[in-house]
Amino acid sequence: MFSRAHLLIEREYERLLEDVPWGIEAHPLKEDSIFEWVAKIKGLKDTIWEGGVFRVYLKFDEHYNVRPPEVCFHTIPFHPNVDMITGRPCIEFLDDFSQWKETYSLSFILISIQNLLSSPVLQNPVNPEAAEMLIHSPRAYKQMVYDCVTASQRVEAGVTPHGDLESRVKFVPQEEMPKRYDAPKTAAPRVTRMSFEDYHKTWCGIATSKPIQDMKNPCIQP
């Protein structure tokens, strides 16, 4: 006898297969587990993210759909609202239980993430360097996005774009990751400055890394 959450996720999967949103693919990560998912999200057409392909992991639990799944990018984009280390997108209904509604579907979650790429929110960014670059150096930001899109294409094609990056993949242990569902912050974070060259080198070592088989996903608890 399957649990309520299991049946709801199966229903979501059926709906997704019946009406697949443009530029989105998603399916369970393993045949024997409906609670762990992998998705591919393409950047929207006619935006600077067009052509990008970003891998996203989702982990549901027995509390679905009373609360949302955990979500994180594996191919981490350079974006004001995506944590550069954990890959978690900053979306209100994913971070705060009070903003989540049981009517939100899996398609809605994935479309929201897709739209977030081209519609950044600059208030309280989790990646302040990206936000500052977008505000003060939009041409440099556009170049970073272009590099990010190009790198994501190479990773998707199985090409390592910056040498042997597989040996430098960085994941944050679960105990070091920030707590989820904290109340939204009201004070703006202190913005630290970093040169474009330094940031580009740091970002490339994380965001363009091709996943290794059986590597631990930071969104999934042991």
N, C-alpha and C. Protein backbone atom coordinates (compact mmCIF):
# COMPACT_ATOMS: atom_id res chain seq x y z
N MET A 1 0.84 -1.19 0.00
CA MET A 1 0.00 0.00 0.00
C MET A 1 0.88 1.24 0.00
N PHE A 2 0.74 2.07 -1.03
CA PHE A 2 1.57 3.26 -1.13
C PHE A 2 1.02 4.38 -0.25
N SER A 3 1.94 5.25 0.18
CA SER A 3 1.56 6.39 1.01
C SER A 3 0.86 7.45 0.17
N ARG A 4 0.24 8.41 0.87
CA ARG A 4 -0.42 9.52 0.18
C ARG A 4 0.57 10.29 -0.67
N ALA A 5 1.75 10.58 -0.11
CA ALA A 5 2.77 11.34 -0.83
C ALA A 5 3.19 10.60 -2.10
N HIS A 6 3.39 9.30 -1.98
CA HIS A 6 3.80 8.49 -3.13
C HIS A 6 2.77 8.58 -4.24
N LEU A 7 1.51 8.45 -3.91
CA LEU A 7 0.44 8.50 -4.90
C LEU A 7 0.33 9.89 -5.53
N LEU A 8 0.53 10.94 -4.74
CA LEU A 8 0.47 12.30 -5.27
C LEU A 8 1.61 12.55 -6.26
N ILE A 9 2.79 12.07 -5.93
CA ILE A 9 3.94 12.27 -6.82
C ILE A 9 3.75 11.49 -8.12
N GLU A 10 3.21 10.28 -8.03
CA GLU A 10 2.92 9.50 -9.23
C GLU A 10 1.91 10.23 -10.12
N ARG A 11 0.92 10.84 -9.49
CA ARG A 11 -0.08 11.58 -10.25
C ARG A 11 0.57 12.80 -10.93
N GLU A 12 1.46 13.46 -10.20
CA GLU A 12 2.17 14.60 -10.79
C GLU A 12 2.98 14.17 -12.01
N TYR A 13 3.60 13.00 -11.91
CA TYR A 13 4.40 12.49 -13.01
C TYR A 13 3.52 12.24 -14.24
N GLU A 14 2.36 11.66 -14.03
CA GLU A 14 1.44 11.40 -15.13
C GLU A 14 1.00 12.71 -15.79
N ARG A 15 0.71 13.71 -14.98
CA ARG A 15 0.30 15.00 -15.52
C ARG A 15 1.44 15.65 -16.31
N LEU A 16 2.64 15.51 -15.80
CA LEU A 16 3.80 16.08 -16.48
C LEU A 16 4.01 15.44 -17.84
N LEU A 17 3.82 14.12 -17.92
CA LEU A 17 4.00 13.42 -19.19
C LEU A 17 2.91 13.79 -20.18
N GLU A 18 1.72 14.09 -19.67
CA GLU A 18 0.61 14.45 -20.55
C GLU A 18 0.76 15.86 -21.11
N ASP A 19 1.35 16.74 -20.34
CA ASP A 19 1.49 18.15 -20.76
C ASP A 19 2.88 18.64 -20.35
N VAL A 20 3.88 18.35 -21.17
CA VAL A 20 5.26 18.68 -20.84
C VAL A 20 5.53 20.15 -21.16
N PRO A 21 5.95 20.94 -20.18
CA PRO A 21 6.27 22.35 -20.45
C PRO A 21 7.48 22.45 -21.39
N TRP A 22 7.52 23.53 -22.16
CA TRP A 22 8.64 23.71 -23.09
C TRP A 22 9.96 23.78 -22.33
N GLY A 23 10.96 23.07 -22.84
CA GLY A 23 12.31 23.17 -22.29
C GLY A 23 12.52 22.48 -20.96
N ILE A 24 11.62 21.58 -20.59
CA ILE A 24 11.73 20.92 -19.30
C ILE A 24 11.58 19.41 -19.47
N GLU A 25 12.50 18.68 -18.86
CA GLU A 25 12.41 17.23 -18.77
C GLU A 25 12.57 16.85 -17.30
N ALA A 26 11.80 15.89 -16.85
CA ALA A 26 11.91 15.47 -15.44
C ALA A 26 11.42 14.04 -15.30
N HIS A 27 12.08 13.30 -14.44
CA HIS A 27 11.68 11.92 -14.17
C HIS A 27 12.34 11.45 -12.89
N PRO A 28 11.83 10.38 -12.27
CA PRO A 28 12.46 9.85 -11.07
C PRO A 28 13.90 9.42 -11.35
N LEU A 29 14.75 9.66 -10.38
CA LEU A 29 16.17 9.34 -10.54
C LEU A 29 16.41 7.84 -10.61
N LYS A 30 15.61 7.07 -9.86
CA LYS A 30 15.75 5.62 -9.82
C LYS A 30 14.40 4.97 -10.08
N GLU A 31 14.43 3.81 -10.67
CA GLU A 31 13.18 3.11 -10.98
C GLU A 31 12.44 2.69 -9.72
N ASP A 32 13.17 2.45 -8.64
CA ASP A 32 12.54 1.94 -7.42
C ASP A 32 12.27 3.03 -6.39
N SER A 33 12.42 4.30 -6.78
CA SER A 33 12.17 5.38 -5.83
C SER A 33 11.49 6.54 -6.53
N ILE A 34 10.29 6.88 -6.09
CA ILE A 34 9.53 7.98 -6.67
C ILE A 34 9.88 9.30 -5.99
N PHE A 35 10.67 9.26 -4.92
CA PHE A 35 10.91 10.45 -4.12
C PHE A 35 12.15 11.25 -4.54
N GLU A 36 13.00 10.69 -5.39
CA GLU A 36 14.18 11.40 -5.85
C GLU A 36 14.07 11.61 -7.35
N TRP A 37 14.22 12.86 -7.78
CA TRP A 37 14.01 13.21 -9.18
C TRP A 37 15.20 13.96 -9.75
N VAL A 38 15.34 13.89 -11.06
CA VAL A 38 16.31 14.70 -11.79
C VAL A 38 15.55 15.40 -12.91
N ALA A 39 15.92 16.65 -13.16
CA ALA A 39 15.27 17.41 -14.22
C ALA A 39 16.32 18.16 -15.03
N LYS A 40 15.97 18.46 -16.27
CA LYS A 40 16.78 19.33 -17.12
C LYS A 40 15.93 20.53 -17.49
N ILE A 41 16.48 21.69 -17.28
CA ILE A 41 15.74 22.92 -17.56
C ILE A 41 16.52 23.75 -18.57
N LYS A 42 15.88 24.11 -19.67
CA LYS A 42 16.50 24.95 -20.68
C LYS A 42 16.17 26.42 -20.42
N GLY A 43 17.14 27.28 -20.75
CA GLY A 43 16.87 28.71 -20.66
C GLY A 43 15.82 29.12 -21.68
N LEU A 44 14.98 30.08 -21.30
CA LEU A 44 13.89 30.50 -22.18
C LEU A 44 14.40 31.15 -23.46
N LYS A 45 13.64 30.99 -24.53
CA LYS A 45 13.98 31.62 -25.79
C LYS A 45 13.92 33.14 -25.68
N ASP A 46 14.75 33.79 -26.49
CA ASP A 46 14.80 35.26 -26.55
C ASP A 46 15.24 35.88 -25.24
N THR A 47 15.98 35.13 -24.43
CA THR A 47 16.60 35.68 -23.22
C THR A 47 18.08 35.37 -23.28
N ILE A 48 18.87 35.97 -22.39
CA ILE A 48 20.31 35.72 -22.41
C ILE A 48 20.62 34.29 -21.96
N TRP A 49 19.64 33.59 -21.41
CA TRP A 49 19.84 32.21 -20.97
C TRP A 49 19.47 31.19 -22.03
N GLU A 50 19.03 31.66 -23.20
CA GLU A 50 18.64 30.75 -24.27
C GLU A 50 19.82 29.84 -24.65
N GLY A 51 19.55 28.57 -24.78
CA GLY A 51 20.58 27.60 -25.14
C GLY A 51 21.18 26.87 -23.95
N GLY A 52 20.99 27.42 -22.74
CA GLY A 52 21.52 26.77 -21.56
C GLY A 52 20.71 25.54 -21.17
N VAL A 53 21.38 24.53 -20.63
CA VAL A 53 20.72 23.32 -20.15
C VAL A 53 21.23 23.04 -18.75
N PHE A 54 20.35 23.12 -17.76
CA PHE A 54 20.76 23.04 -16.37
C PHE A 54 20.09 21.87 -15.67
N ARG A 55 20.91 21.06 -15.02
CA ARG A 55 20.40 19.90 -14.30
C ARG A 55 19.95 20.31 -12.89
N VAL A 56 18.81 19.79 -12.51
CA VAL A 56 18.23 20.12 -11.21
C VAL A 56 17.83 18.82 -10.52
N TYR A 57 18.09 18.75 -9.22
CA TYR A 57 17.68 17.59 -8.42
C TYR A 57 16.54 17.99 -7.48
N LEU A 58 15.60 17.10 -7.32
CA LEU A 58 14.48 17.32 -6.41
C LEU A 58 14.35 16.13 -5.49
N LYS A 59 14.08 16.40 -4.23
CA LYS A 59 13.86 15.32 -3.26
C LYS A 59 12.56 15.58 -2.52
N PHE A 60 11.61 14.68 -2.72
CA PHE A 60 10.34 14.74 -2.02
C PHE A 60 10.44 13.90 -0.74
N ASP A 61 9.49 14.11 0.16
CA ASP A 61 9.41 13.25 1.34
C ASP A 61 7.95 12.94 1.63
N GLU A 62 7.72 12.28 2.72
CA GLU A 62 6.35 11.84 3.05
C GLU A 62 5.42 13.00 3.41
N HIS A 63 5.97 14.20 3.51
CA HIS A 63 5.13 15.37 3.83
C HIS A 63 4.59 16.05 2.58
N TYR A 64 4.99 15.58 1.40
CA TYR A 64 4.47 16.18 0.17
C TYR A 64 2.98 15.81 0.04
N ASN A 65 2.07 16.73 -0.34
CA ASN A 65 2.32 18.07 -0.79
C ASN A 65 1.95 19.13 0.25
N VAL A 66 2.05 18.75 1.51
CA VAL A 66 1.86 19.74 2.57
C VAL A 66 3.01 20.74 2.55
N ARG A 67 4.19 20.27 2.15
CA ARG A 67 5.33 21.15 1.98
C ARG A 67 6.06 20.76 0.70
N PRO A 68 6.86 21.66 0.14
CA PRO A 68 7.49 21.41 -1.16
C PRO A 68 8.68 20.47 -1.06
N PRO A 69 9.15 19.99 -2.19
CA PRO A 69 10.38 19.19 -2.19
C PRO A 69 11.60 20.07 -1.99
N GLU A 70 12.72 19.46 -1.66
CA GLU A 70 13.99 20.16 -1.66
C GLU A 70 14.49 20.21 -3.09
N VAL A 71 15.05 21.33 -3.47
CA VAL A 71 15.47 21.52 -4.85
C VAL A 71 16.87 22.13 -4.88
N CYS A 72 17.72 21.66 -5.79
CA CYS A 72 19.01 22.32 -6.00
C CYS A 72 19.51 22.07 -7.41
N PHE A 73 20.21 23.05 -7.95
CA PHE A 73 20.88 22.88 -9.23
C PHE A 73 22.10 22.01 -9.04
N HIS A 74 22.34 21.13 -10.02
CA HIS A 74 23.62 20.43 -10.06
C HIS A 74 24.56 21.15 -11.01
N THR A 75 24.05 21.62 -12.14
CA THR A 75 24.79 22.52 -13.00
C THR A 75 24.44 23.93 -12.52
N ILE A 76 25.29 24.50 -11.71
CA ILE A 76 24.94 25.73 -10.99
C ILE A 76 25.12 26.96 -11.88
N PRO A 77 24.05 27.71 -12.14
CA PRO A 77 24.17 28.92 -12.96
C PRO A 77 24.67 30.11 -12.13
N PHE A 78 25.34 31.03 -12.80
CA PHE A 78 25.77 32.28 -12.18
C PHE A 78 24.57 33.20 -12.14
N HIS A 79 23.97 33.35 -10.98
CA HIS A 79 22.67 34.04 -10.90
C HIS A 79 22.47 34.61 -9.51
N PRO A 80 21.88 35.81 -9.40
CA PRO A 80 21.68 36.43 -8.09
C PRO A 80 20.87 35.58 -7.12
N ASN A 81 19.98 34.74 -7.64
CA ASN A 81 19.06 33.99 -6.78
C ASN A 81 19.35 32.51 -6.71
N VAL A 82 20.60 32.13 -7.03
CA VAL A 82 21.02 30.74 -6.91
C VAL A 82 22.30 30.70 -6.08
N ASP A 83 22.26 29.96 -4.98
CA ASP A 83 23.42 29.86 -4.12
C ASP A 83 24.56 29.19 -4.89
N MET A 84 25.69 29.85 -4.93
CA MET A 84 26.82 29.36 -5.71
C MET A 84 27.39 28.06 -5.17
N ILE A 85 27.24 27.82 -3.87
CA ILE A 85 27.83 26.65 -3.24
C ILE A 85 26.85 25.48 -3.22
N THR A 86 25.65 25.70 -2.71
CA THR A 86 24.69 24.61 -2.59
C THR A 86 23.87 24.37 -3.84
N GLY A 87 23.78 25.40 -4.70
CA GLY A 87 22.96 25.28 -5.90
C GLY A 87 21.48 25.47 -5.66
N ARG A 88 21.10 25.90 -4.49
CA ARG A 88 19.67 26.04 -4.18
C ARG A 88 19.11 27.35 -4.75
N PRO A 89 18.01 27.26 -5.50
CA PRO A 89 17.37 28.47 -6.01
C PRO A 89 16.60 29.16 -4.90
N CYS A 90 16.66 30.47 -4.89
CA CYS A 90 15.95 31.24 -3.86
C CYS A 90 14.58 31.62 -4.39
N ILE A 91 13.59 30.82 -4.05
CA ILE A 91 12.20 31.06 -4.44
C ILE A 91 11.37 30.97 -3.17
N GLU A 92 10.52 31.95 -2.94
CA GLU A 92 9.81 32.07 -1.66
C GLU A 92 9.09 30.79 -1.27
N PHE A 93 8.35 30.19 -2.19
CA PHE A 93 7.54 29.03 -1.80
C PHE A 93 8.37 27.77 -1.56
N LEU A 94 9.65 27.80 -1.99
CA LEU A 94 10.54 26.68 -1.67
C LEU A 94 11.26 26.90 -0.35
N ASP A 95 11.43 28.15 0.04
CA ASP A 95 12.19 28.48 1.25
C ASP A 95 11.32 28.66 2.49
N ASP A 96 10.05 28.95 2.30
CA ASP A 96 9.19 29.32 3.42
C ASP A 96 7.88 28.53 3.33
N PHE A 97 7.63 27.68 4.33
CA PHE A 97 6.41 26.86 4.34
C PHE A 97 5.15 27.69 4.15
N SER A 98 5.13 28.89 4.73
CA SER A 98 3.91 29.69 4.69
C SER A 98 3.58 30.17 3.28
N GLN A 99 4.56 30.17 2.39
CA GLN A 99 4.33 30.61 1.02
C GLN A 99 3.92 29.46 0.09
N TRP A 100 4.06 28.25 0.57
CA TRP A 100 3.74 27.08 -0.26
C TRP A 100 2.24 26.79 -0.24
N LYS A 101 1.71 26.38 -1.39
CA LYS A 101 0.31 26.00 -1.49
C LYS A 101 0.22 24.60 -2.06
N GLU A 102 -0.69 23.80 -1.53
CA GLU A 102 -0.83 22.42 -1.97
C GLU A 102 -1.28 22.31 -3.42
N THR A 103 -1.77 23.40 -3.98
CA THR A 103 -2.20 23.38 -5.38
C THR A 103 -1.02 23.54 -6.34
N TYR A 104 0.14 23.89 -5.83
CA TYR A 104 1.31 24.04 -6.70
C TYR A 104 1.75 22.67 -7.21
N SER A 105 1.91 22.57 -8.50
CA SER A 105 2.26 21.29 -9.12
C SER A 105 3.76 21.19 -9.35
N LEU A 106 4.20 20.00 -9.74
CA LEU A 106 5.59 19.80 -10.10
C LEU A 106 5.96 20.67 -11.30
N SER A 107 5.07 20.75 -12.27
CA SER A 107 5.31 21.61 -13.43
C SER A 107 5.48 23.06 -13.01
N PHE A 108 4.66 23.49 -12.07
CA PHE A 108 4.75 24.88 -11.59
C PHE A 108 6.10 25.14 -10.95
N ILE A 109 6.60 24.19 -10.17
CA ILE A 109 7.91 24.35 -9.54
C ILE A 109 9.00 24.51 -10.60
N LEU A 110 8.99 23.62 -11.59
CA LEU A 110 10.04 23.64 -12.61
C LEU A 110 9.94 24.87 -13.51
N ILE A 111 8.73 25.28 -13.86
CA ILE A 111 8.55 26.48 -14.66
C ILE A 111 8.99 27.72 -13.88
N SER A 112 8.73 27.74 -12.58
CA SER A 112 9.16 28.87 -11.75
C SER A 112 10.68 28.98 -11.73
N ILE A 113 11.36 27.85 -11.65
CA ILE A 113 12.82 27.87 -11.69
C ILE A 113 13.31 28.33 -13.05
N GLN A 114 12.67 27.87 -14.10
CA GLN A 114 13.04 28.29 -15.46
C GLN A 114 12.86 29.79 -15.63
N ASN A 115 11.75 30.32 -15.15
CA ASN A 115 11.49 31.76 -15.26
C ASN A 115 12.44 32.58 -14.39
N LEU A 116 12.85 32.01 -13.27
CA LEU A 116 13.75 32.72 -12.36
C LEU A 116 15.06 33.09 -13.07
N LEU A 117 15.55 32.23 -13.93
CA LEU A 117 16.82 32.49 -14.61
C LEU A 117 16.81 33.84 -15.31
N SER A 118 15.77 34.10 -16.07
CA SER A 118 15.70 35.34 -16.84
C SER A 118 14.98 36.47 -16.12
N SER A 119 14.51 36.22 -14.91
CA SER A 119 13.81 37.27 -14.14
C SER A 119 14.36 37.31 -12.72
N PRO A 120 15.63 37.71 -12.56
CA PRO A 120 16.25 37.71 -11.23
C PRO A 120 15.60 38.74 -10.30
N VAL A 121 15.60 38.39 -9.02
CA VAL A 121 15.12 39.30 -7.98
C VAL A 121 16.35 39.84 -7.25
N LEU A 122 16.52 41.15 -7.26
CA LEU A 122 17.76 41.74 -6.74
C LEU A 122 17.67 42.11 -5.26
N GLN A 123 16.51 41.93 -4.66
CA GLN A 123 16.38 42.19 -3.23
C GLN A 123 16.83 40.96 -2.44
N ASN A 124 17.78 41.14 -1.53
CA ASN A 124 18.33 40.06 -0.72
C ASN A 124 18.85 38.89 -1.55
N PRO A 125 19.74 39.12 -2.49
CA PRO A 125 20.25 38.02 -3.32
C PRO A 125 21.11 37.06 -2.51
N VAL A 126 21.05 35.78 -2.86
CA VAL A 126 21.92 34.80 -2.21
C VAL A 126 23.29 34.76 -2.87
N ASN A 127 23.40 35.34 -4.04
CA ASN A 127 24.68 35.51 -4.71
C ASN A 127 24.88 37.01 -4.94
N PRO A 128 25.37 37.73 -3.93
CA PRO A 128 25.48 39.19 -4.04
C PRO A 128 26.44 39.65 -5.12
N GLU A 129 27.48 38.84 -5.42
CA GLU A 129 28.41 39.23 -6.47
C GLU A 129 27.70 39.29 -7.83
N ALA A 130 26.84 38.30 -8.08
CA ALA A 130 26.10 38.29 -9.34
C ALA A 130 25.13 39.48 -9.40
N ALA A 131 24.48 39.78 -8.28
CA ALA A 131 23.54 40.90 -8.24
C ALA A 131 24.27 42.22 -8.49
N GLU A 132 25.41 42.40 -7.84
CA GLU A 132 26.16 43.64 -8.02
C GLU A 132 26.65 43.78 -9.45
N MET A 133 27.09 42.68 -10.04
CA MET A 133 27.55 42.73 -11.42
C MET A 133 26.41 43.08 -12.36
N LEU A 134 25.23 42.50 -12.12
CA LEU A 134 24.07 42.79 -12.95
C LEU A 134 23.70 44.26 -12.88
N ILE A 135 23.80 44.85 -11.68
CA ILE A 135 23.42 46.25 -11.48
C ILE A 135 24.45 47.20 -12.05
N HIS A 136 25.72 46.96 -11.74
CA HIS A 136 26.77 47.93 -12.06
C HIS A 136 27.57 47.60 -13.31
N SER A 137 27.58 46.33 -13.72
CA SER A 137 28.34 45.93 -14.91
C SER A 137 27.52 44.94 -15.74
N PRO A 138 26.39 45.41 -16.29
CA PRO A 138 25.49 44.48 -16.99
C PRO A 138 26.16 43.77 -18.17
N ARG A 139 27.12 44.42 -18.82
CA ARG A 139 27.79 43.76 -19.94
C ARG A 139 28.65 42.59 -19.43
N ALA A 140 29.32 42.81 -18.30
CA ALA A 140 30.11 41.72 -17.72
C ALA A 140 29.20 40.59 -17.25
N TYR A 141 28.04 40.94 -16.69
CA TYR A 141 27.08 39.92 -16.26
C TYR A 141 26.60 39.11 -17.46
N LYS A 142 26.30 39.79 -18.54
CA LYS A 142 25.84 39.10 -19.75
C LYS A 142 26.91 38.15 -20.26
N GLN A 143 28.17 38.56 -20.18
CA GLN A 143 29.26 37.69 -20.62
C GLN A 143 29.37 36.47 -19.72
N MET A 144 29.19 36.67 -18.40
CA MET A 144 29.23 35.54 -17.47
C MET A 144 28.10 34.55 -17.78
N VAL A 145 26.92 35.08 -18.07
CA VAL A 145 25.79 34.21 -18.42
C VAL A 145 26.09 33.46 -19.71
N TYR A 146 26.66 34.16 -20.68
CA TYR A 146 27.02 33.51 -21.94
C TYR A 146 28.00 32.36 -21.69
N ASP A 147 29.02 32.61 -20.85
CA ASP A 147 29.98 31.56 -20.52
C ASP A 147 29.29 30.40 -19.81
N CYS A 148 28.35 30.74 -18.94
CA CYS A 148 27.60 29.73 -18.19
C CYS A 148 26.77 28.87 -19.14
N VAL A 149 26.10 29.50 -20.08
CA VAL A 149 25.28 28.78 -21.05
C VAL A 149 26.15 27.86 -21.90
N THR A 150 27.28 28.40 -22.38
CA THR A 150 28.19 27.60 -23.21
C THR A 150 28.74 26.41 -22.43
N ALA A 151 29.12 26.66 -21.18
CA ALA A 151 29.66 25.57 -20.35
C ALA A 151 28.60 24.51 -20.10
N SER A 152 27.36 24.92 -19.86
CA SER A 152 26.30 23.95 -19.60
C SER A 152 26.07 23.07 -20.82
N GLN A 153 26.20 23.64 -22.01
CA GLN A 153 26.04 22.85 -23.23
C GLN A 153 27.14 21.81 -23.35
N ARG A 154 28.36 22.21 -22.99
CA ARG A 154 29.49 21.29 -23.08
C ARG A 154 29.36 20.16 -22.06
N VAL A 155 28.92 20.50 -20.87
CA VAL A 155 28.71 19.47 -19.85
C VAL A 155 27.64 18.50 -20.30
N GLU A 156 26.56 19.03 -20.87
CA GLU A 156 25.47 18.18 -21.33
C GLU A 156 25.94 17.25 -22.45
N ALA A 157 26.89 17.74 -23.25
CA ALA A 157 27.42 16.94 -24.35
C ALA A 157 28.50 15.97 -23.88
N GLY A 158 28.85 16.03 -22.60
CA GLY A 158 29.85 15.14 -22.06
C GLY A 158 31.26 15.62 -22.24
N VAL A 159 31.43 16.93 -22.52
CA VAL A 159 32.76 17.51 -22.71
C VAL A 159 33.12 18.30 -21.47
N THR A 160 34.31 18.08 -20.92
CA THR A 160 34.78 18.84 -19.77
C THR A 160 35.42 20.12 -20.28
N PRO A 161 34.83 21.29 -20.01
CA PRO A 161 35.26 22.51 -20.66
C PRO A 161 36.50 23.17 -20.07
N HIS A 162 36.90 22.82 -18.87
CA HIS A 162 38.02 23.50 -18.23
C HIS A 162 39.01 22.49 -17.66
N GLY A 163 39.41 21.54 -18.49
CA GLY A 163 40.34 20.54 -18.00
C GLY A 163 39.61 19.48 -17.21
N ASP A 164 40.34 18.79 -16.34
CA ASP A 164 39.75 17.69 -15.57
C ASP A 164 39.01 18.24 -14.37
N LEU A 165 37.79 18.76 -14.60
CA LEU A 165 37.02 19.35 -13.53
C LEU A 165 36.37 18.31 -12.64
N GLU A 166 36.29 17.07 -13.13
CA GLU A 166 35.64 16.04 -12.32
C GLU A 166 36.34 15.87 -10.99
N SER A 167 37.67 16.07 -10.97
CA SER A 167 38.41 15.90 -9.73
C SER A 167 38.23 17.08 -8.80
N ARG A 168 37.56 18.16 -9.29
CA ARG A 168 37.41 19.35 -8.48
C ARG A 168 35.95 19.66 -8.17
N VAL A 169 35.06 18.70 -8.38
CA VAL A 169 33.66 18.92 -8.05
C VAL A 169 33.53 19.17 -6.56
N LYS A 170 32.80 20.20 -6.20
CA LYS A 170 32.65 20.56 -4.80
C LYS A 170 31.20 20.43 -4.38
N PHE A 171 30.95 19.65 -3.36
CA PHE A 171 29.64 19.54 -2.75
C PHE A 171 29.77 19.85 -1.27
N VAL A 172 28.77 20.48 -0.72
CA VAL A 172 28.78 20.83 0.69
C VAL A 172 28.12 19.72 1.49
N PRO A 173 28.80 19.17 2.51
CA PRO A 173 28.17 18.14 3.34
C PRO A 173 26.86 18.62 3.92
N GLN A 174 25.94 17.70 4.13
CA GLN A 174 24.61 18.07 4.61
C GLN A 174 24.65 18.88 5.89
N GLU A 175 25.56 18.53 6.81
CA GLU A 175 25.59 19.24 8.08
C GLU A 175 26.09 20.67 7.95
N GLU A 176 26.76 20.99 6.81
CA GLU A 176 27.27 22.33 6.62
C GLU A 176 26.31 23.19 5.82
N MET A 177 25.26 22.61 5.30
CA MET A 177 24.35 23.36 4.46
C MET A 177 23.42 24.20 5.34
N PRO A 178 22.99 25.37 4.84
CA PRO A 178 22.13 26.23 5.64
C PRO A 178 20.77 25.61 5.88
N LYS A 179 20.15 25.94 7.00
CA LYS A 179 18.82 25.44 7.33
C LYS A 179 17.81 25.97 6.32
N ARG A 180 16.86 25.13 5.95
CA ARG A 180 15.82 25.56 5.04
C ARG A 180 14.62 26.08 5.81
N TYR A 181 13.81 26.84 5.09
CA TYR A 181 12.54 27.34 5.60
C TYR A 181 12.69 28.31 6.76
N ASP A 182 13.84 29.00 6.83
CA ASP A 182 13.96 30.09 7.78
C ASP A 182 13.11 31.24 7.28
N ALA A 183 12.72 32.11 8.20
CA ALA A 183 11.94 33.28 7.79
C ALA A 183 12.78 34.13 6.86
N PRO A 184 12.17 34.72 5.82
CA PRO A 184 12.92 35.55 4.88
C PRO A 184 13.61 36.70 5.58
N LYS A 185 14.83 37.00 5.16
CA LYS A 185 15.57 38.08 5.77
C LYS A 185 15.06 39.42 5.27
N THR A 186 15.07 40.40 6.16
CA THR A 186 14.64 41.73 5.78
C THR A 186 15.80 42.65 5.54
N ALA A 187 16.92 42.39 6.18
CA ALA A 187 18.08 43.25 6.00
C ALA A 187 18.88 42.78 4.80
N ALA A 188 19.35 43.74 4.00
CA ALA A 188 20.14 43.39 2.82
C ALA A 188 21.50 42.88 3.26
N PRO A 189 22.00 41.83 2.62
CA PRO A 189 23.30 41.30 3.00
C PRO A 189 24.42 42.24 2.58
N ARG A 190 25.54 42.15 3.29
CA ARG A 190 26.70 42.95 2.94
C ARG A 190 27.29 42.40 1.64
N VAL A 191 27.50 43.27 0.69
CA VAL A 191 28.02 42.86 -0.59
C VAL A 191 29.53 42.96 -0.59
N THR A 192 30.19 41.85 -0.78
CA THR A 192 31.64 41.86 -0.86
C THR A 192 32.05 41.94 -2.32
N ARG A 193 33.21 42.53 -2.58
CA ARG A 193 33.65 42.72 -3.94
C ARG A 193 34.67 41.67 -4.33
N MET A 194 34.60 41.24 -5.56
CA MET A 194 35.53 40.26 -6.09
C MET A 194 35.74 40.60 -7.56
N SER A 195 36.95 40.49 -8.02
CA SER A 195 37.23 40.81 -9.41
C SER A 195 36.50 39.83 -10.32
N PHE A 196 36.21 40.27 -11.54
CA PHE A 196 35.55 39.41 -12.51
C PHE A 196 36.38 38.17 -12.77
N GLU A 197 37.70 38.33 -12.89
CA GLU A 197 38.58 37.20 -13.18
C GLU A 197 38.55 36.17 -12.06
N ASP A 198 38.64 36.65 -10.78
CA ASP A 198 38.63 35.74 -9.65
C ASP A 198 37.30 35.00 -9.56
N TYR A 199 36.19 35.74 -9.77
CA TYR A 199 34.89 35.10 -9.65
C TYR A 199 34.71 34.08 -10.77
N HIS A 200 35.13 34.45 -11.98
CA HIS A 200 34.98 33.54 -13.11
C HIS A 200 35.72 32.24 -12.87
N LYS A 201 36.95 32.35 -12.31
CA LYS A 201 37.73 31.14 -12.03
C LYS A 201 37.03 30.28 -10.99
N THR A 202 36.51 30.92 -9.92
CA THR A 202 35.83 30.19 -8.86
C THR A 202 34.57 29.53 -9.37
N TRP A 203 33.76 30.30 -10.10
CA TRP A 203 32.49 29.78 -10.60
C TRP A 203 32.70 28.61 -11.54
N CYS A 204 33.69 28.73 -12.45
CA CYS A 204 33.91 27.68 -13.44
C CYS A 204 34.26 26.35 -12.77
N GLY A 205 34.96 26.41 -11.64
CA GLY A 205 35.34 25.18 -10.95
C GLY A 205 34.18 24.47 -10.31
N ILE A 206 33.05 25.17 -10.14
CA ILE A 206 31.88 24.57 -9.50
C ILE A 206 30.76 24.34 -10.50
N ALA A 207 30.43 25.39 -11.24
CA ALA A 207 29.23 25.34 -12.06
C ALA A 207 29.34 24.47 -13.29
N THR A 208 30.54 24.30 -13.82
CA THR A 208 30.67 23.55 -15.05
C THR A 208 31.15 22.14 -14.83
N SER A 209 31.12 21.67 -13.60
CA SER A 209 31.62 20.33 -13.32
C SER A 209 30.64 19.26 -13.74
N LYS A 210 31.14 18.29 -14.45
CA LYS A 210 30.30 17.18 -14.88
C LYS A 210 30.12 16.22 -13.71
N PRO A 211 28.89 15.81 -13.40
CA PRO A 211 28.67 14.91 -12.28
C PRO A 211 29.33 13.56 -12.49
N ILE A 212 29.85 13.01 -11.41
CA ILE A 212 30.47 11.70 -11.45
C ILE A 212 29.45 10.66 -11.04
N GLN A 213 29.50 9.52 -11.67
CA GLN A 213 28.57 8.44 -11.36
C GLN A 213 28.63 8.11 -9.87
N ASP A 214 27.48 7.99 -9.24
CA ASP A 214 27.33 7.63 -7.82
C ASP A 214 27.82 8.72 -6.88
N MET A 215 28.06 9.93 -7.40
CA MET A 215 28.49 11.00 -6.51
C MET A 215 27.32 11.46 -5.65
N LYS A 216 27.59 11.82 -4.42
CA LYS A 216 26.55 12.21 -3.48
C LYS A 216 25.91 13.52 -3.92
N ASN A 217 24.59 13.54 -3.94
CA ASN A 217 23.85 14.75 -4.25
C ASN A 217 23.66 15.56 -2.98
N PRO A 218 24.02 16.86 -2.97
CA PRO A 218 23.93 17.65 -1.75
C PRO A 218 22.51 17.86 -1.25
N CYS A 219 21.52 17.63 -2.10
CA CYS A 219 20.14 17.80 -1.68
C CYS A 219 19.59 16.58 -0.98
N ILE A 220 20.30 15.47 -1.10
CA ILE A 220 19.74 14.20 -0.61
C ILE A 220 20.45 13.79 0.67
N GLN A 221 19.70 13.63 1.71
CA GLN A 221 20.26 13.21 2.97
C GLN A 221 20.60 11.73 2.91
N PRO A 222 21.67 11.32 3.60
CA PRO A 222 22.02 9.89 3.62
C PRO A 222 20.95 9.06 4.31
